[in-house]
């Protein structure tokens, strides 16, 4: 079993930070920190993904839909 050190608060830093936590043969885990109302540009992933909010607030849009799916 491997334990990961996750950031659970949003401190000062770049508008977008990506930390690679694990890169294995069947999965990759990253922690993305967004600050200052940064918006990720539209993109896609070749495999299914899971998203977990740890701190702050955000809006998630999937596909062409522009009604918020989740706000946490």
Protein backbone atom coordinates (compact mmCIF):
# COMPACT_ATOMS: atom_id res chain seq x y z
CA UNK A 1 0.00 0.00 0.00
CA UNK A 2 1.22 3.50 -0.82
CA UNK A 3 0.20 6.68 1.02
CA UNK A 4 0.02 9.96 -0.92
CA UNK A 5 0.68 13.41 0.45
CA UNK A 6 -2.24 15.56 -0.75
CA UNK A 7 -2.59 19.32 -0.52
CA UNK A 8 -5.82 20.06 1.35
CA UNK A 9 -5.55 23.85 1.42
CA UNK A 10 -5.01 26.32 -1.38
CA UNK A 11 -1.93 28.38 -0.51
CA UNK A 12 -0.11 30.96 -2.64
CA UNK A 13 1.34 29.71 -5.92
CA UNK A 14 0.93 29.59 -9.69
CA UNK A 15 -2.57 29.84 -11.18
CA UNK A 16 -2.34 26.15 -12.23
CA UNK A 17 -0.17 23.47 -10.61
CA UNK A 18 -0.15 19.78 -11.54
CA UNK A 19 1.52 17.31 -9.17
CA UNK A 20 2.05 13.73 -10.35
CA UNK A 21 1.30 11.46 -7.39
CA UNK A 22 1.52 8.05 -9.07
CA UNK A 23 2.18 6.76 -12.60
CA UNK A 24 1.58 3.04 -12.97
CA UNK A 25 0.81 0.66 -15.84
CA UNK A 26 -2.98 0.94 -15.45
CA UNK A 27 -3.53 4.30 -13.76
CA UNK A 28 -2.11 7.73 -13.18
CA UNK A 29 -2.97 9.95 -10.21
CA UNK A 30 -2.46 13.70 -10.35
CA UNK A 31 -3.46 16.54 -8.07
CA UNK A 32 -4.38 19.75 -9.88
CA UNK A 33 -4.50 23.02 -7.95
CA UNK A 34 -6.25 25.98 -9.63
CA UNK A 35 -6.05 29.52 -8.25
CA UNK A 36 -7.22 33.04 -9.11
CA UNK A 37 -10.31 31.90 -11.09
CA UNK A 38 -8.10 29.94 -13.52
CA UNK A 39 -10.16 27.97 -16.05
CA UNK A 40 -8.85 24.82 -17.69
CA UNK A 41 -9.31 24.96 -21.46
CA UNK A 42 -11.67 22.36 -22.99
CA UNK A 43 -9.91 19.02 -23.30
CA UNK A 44 -10.58 15.29 -23.32
CA UNK A 45 -9.04 12.14 -21.89
CA UNK A 46 -8.60 8.85 -23.79
CA UNK A 47 -9.71 6.86 -20.72
CA UNK A 48 -12.37 7.32 -18.01
CA UNK A 49 -11.40 9.74 -15.22
CA UNK A 50 -12.45 10.41 -11.63
CA UNK A 51 -12.55 13.90 -10.14
CA UNK A 52 -12.48 14.59 -6.40
CA UNK A 53 -12.61 18.11 -4.96
CA UNK A 54 -10.47 18.55 -1.83
CA UNK A 55 -10.68 22.30 -1.15
CA UNK A 56 -12.27 25.45 -2.54
CA UNK A 57 -15.15 25.75 -5.02
CA UNK A 58 -15.51 25.00 -8.70
CA UNK A 59 -17.83 24.26 -11.58
CA UNK A 60 -17.55 21.19 -13.81
CA UNK A 61 -18.91 21.06 -17.36
CA UNK A 62 -19.07 17.80 -19.31
CA UNK A 63 -19.51 17.72 -23.08
CA UNK A 64 -21.36 20.63 -24.65
CA UNK A 65 -23.53 21.17 -21.58
CA UNK A 66 -23.02 24.54 -19.87
CA UNK A 67 -25.29 24.03 -16.87
CA UNK A 68 -23.19 23.22 -13.80
CA UNK A 69 -23.01 19.47 -13.08
CA UNK A 70 -21.45 19.86 -9.63
CA UNK A 71 -20.43 22.64 -7.34
CA UNK A 72 -18.43 21.85 -4.23
